Amino acid sequence: MTMKKTFYLLLIAAILLVATESLVHMHPYFEFEKVTGFYGLMAFGSYIFGVITMKFWRLLVKRPADYYDAPTQQEASE
């Protein structure tokens, strides 16, 4: 499947999911939960937050490219 076909397939699926949301009563607790497509937007926002957070996390835990190839002190002294 090409990228264009995949994109249109996902777009149609998203539109159908938002359209069918009006058929199901969601029992919202807060006023902003009544917005059509709120749960989809919340999921997308959570995804973006996770990606950005992992970019910063990677800076903290990143190792040099030769981390596993570098000799240890014990090997270097022999």
Protein backbone atom coordinates (compact mmCIF):
# COMPACT_ATOMS: atom_id res chain seq x y z
CA MET A 1 0.00 0.00 0.00
CA THR A 2 1.36 3.40 -0.87
CA MET A 3 1.73 6.22 1.64
CA LYS A 4 -1.02 8.21 -0.07
CA LYS A 5 -3.52 5.35 0.20
CA THR A 6 -2.57 4.72 3.82
CA PHE A 7 -3.01 8.40 4.66
CA TYR A 8 -6.47 8.54 3.08
CA LEU A 9 -7.50 5.31 4.78
CA LEU A 10 -6.51 6.68 8.20
CA LEU A 11 -8.19 10.02 7.42
CA ILE A 12 -11.46 8.27 6.54
CA ALA A 13 -11.24 6.15 9.69
CA ALA A 14 -10.69 9.26 11.83
CA ILE A 15 -13.62 11.08 10.22
CA LEU A 16 -15.89 8.08 10.76
CA LEU A 17 -14.87 7.79 14.40
CA VAL A 18 -15.56 11.47 15.07
CA ALA A 19 -18.88 11.25 13.19
CA THR A 20 -20.04 8.23 15.19
CA GLU A 21 -19.10 9.94 18.44
CA SER A 22 -22.39 11.83 18.32
CA LEU A 23 -24.29 8.52 18.38
CA VAL A 24 -22.84 7.44 21.76
CA HIS A 25 -23.60 9.24 25.00
CA MET A 26 -20.25 9.71 26.76
CA HIS A 27 -21.42 10.94 30.22
CA PRO A 28 -18.99 13.87 30.40
CA TYR A 29 -17.99 15.09 33.84
CA PHE A 30 -16.36 18.36 32.76
CA GLU A 31 -17.78 20.86 30.31
CA PHE A 32 -14.82 20.66 27.90
CA GLU A 33 -15.38 16.90 27.47
CA LYS A 34 -18.56 17.70 25.53
CA VAL A 35 -16.55 19.05 22.58
CA THR A 36 -16.86 16.79 19.54
CA GLY A 37 -13.57 15.00 18.96
CA PHE A 38 -12.23 15.81 22.44
CA TYR A 39 -10.97 12.29 23.11
CA GLY A 40 -9.18 12.13 19.77
CA LEU A 41 -7.55 15.50 20.38
CA MET A 42 -6.59 14.42 23.88
CA ALA A 43 -4.97 11.24 22.53
CA PHE A 44 -3.07 13.21 19.87
CA GLY A 45 -1.89 15.73 22.46
CA SER A 46 -0.72 12.90 24.72
CA TYR A 47 1.20 11.38 21.82
CA ILE A 48 2.93 14.69 21.02
CA PHE A 49 3.75 15.20 24.71
CA GLY A 50 5.32 11.73 24.85
CA VAL A 51 7.45 12.32 21.76
CA ILE A 52 8.75 15.67 23.02
CA THR A 53 9.40 14.25 26.49
CA MET A 54 11.39 11.35 25.05
CA LYS A 55 13.55 13.73 23.01
CA PHE A 56 14.66 15.41 26.23
CA TRP A 57 14.97 12.07 28.05
CA ARG A 58 17.27 10.81 25.31
CA LEU A 59 19.68 13.67 26.04
CA LEU A 60 19.96 12.45 29.63
CA VAL A 61 20.54 8.76 28.95
CA LYS A 62 22.40 8.87 25.62
CA ARG A 63 25.75 7.07 25.48
CA PRO A 64 28.65 7.63 23.08
CA ALA A 65 28.65 5.58 19.88
CA ASP A 66 31.63 3.52 21.07
CA TYR A 67 30.28 2.98 24.59
CA TYR A 68 30.36 -0.83 24.37
CA ASP A 69 33.60 -0.95 22.39
CA ALA A 70 35.65 1.20 24.78
CA PRO A 71 38.06 -0.82 26.92
CA THR A 72 37.51 -0.90 30.65
CA GLN A 73 40.22 0.31 33.07
CA GLN A 74 41.13 -3.26 33.93
CA GLU A 75 41.64 -4.17 30.26
CA ALA A 76 43.60 -0.97 29.57
CA SER A 77 46.09 -1.65 32.41
CA GLU A 78 46.93 -5.17 31.14
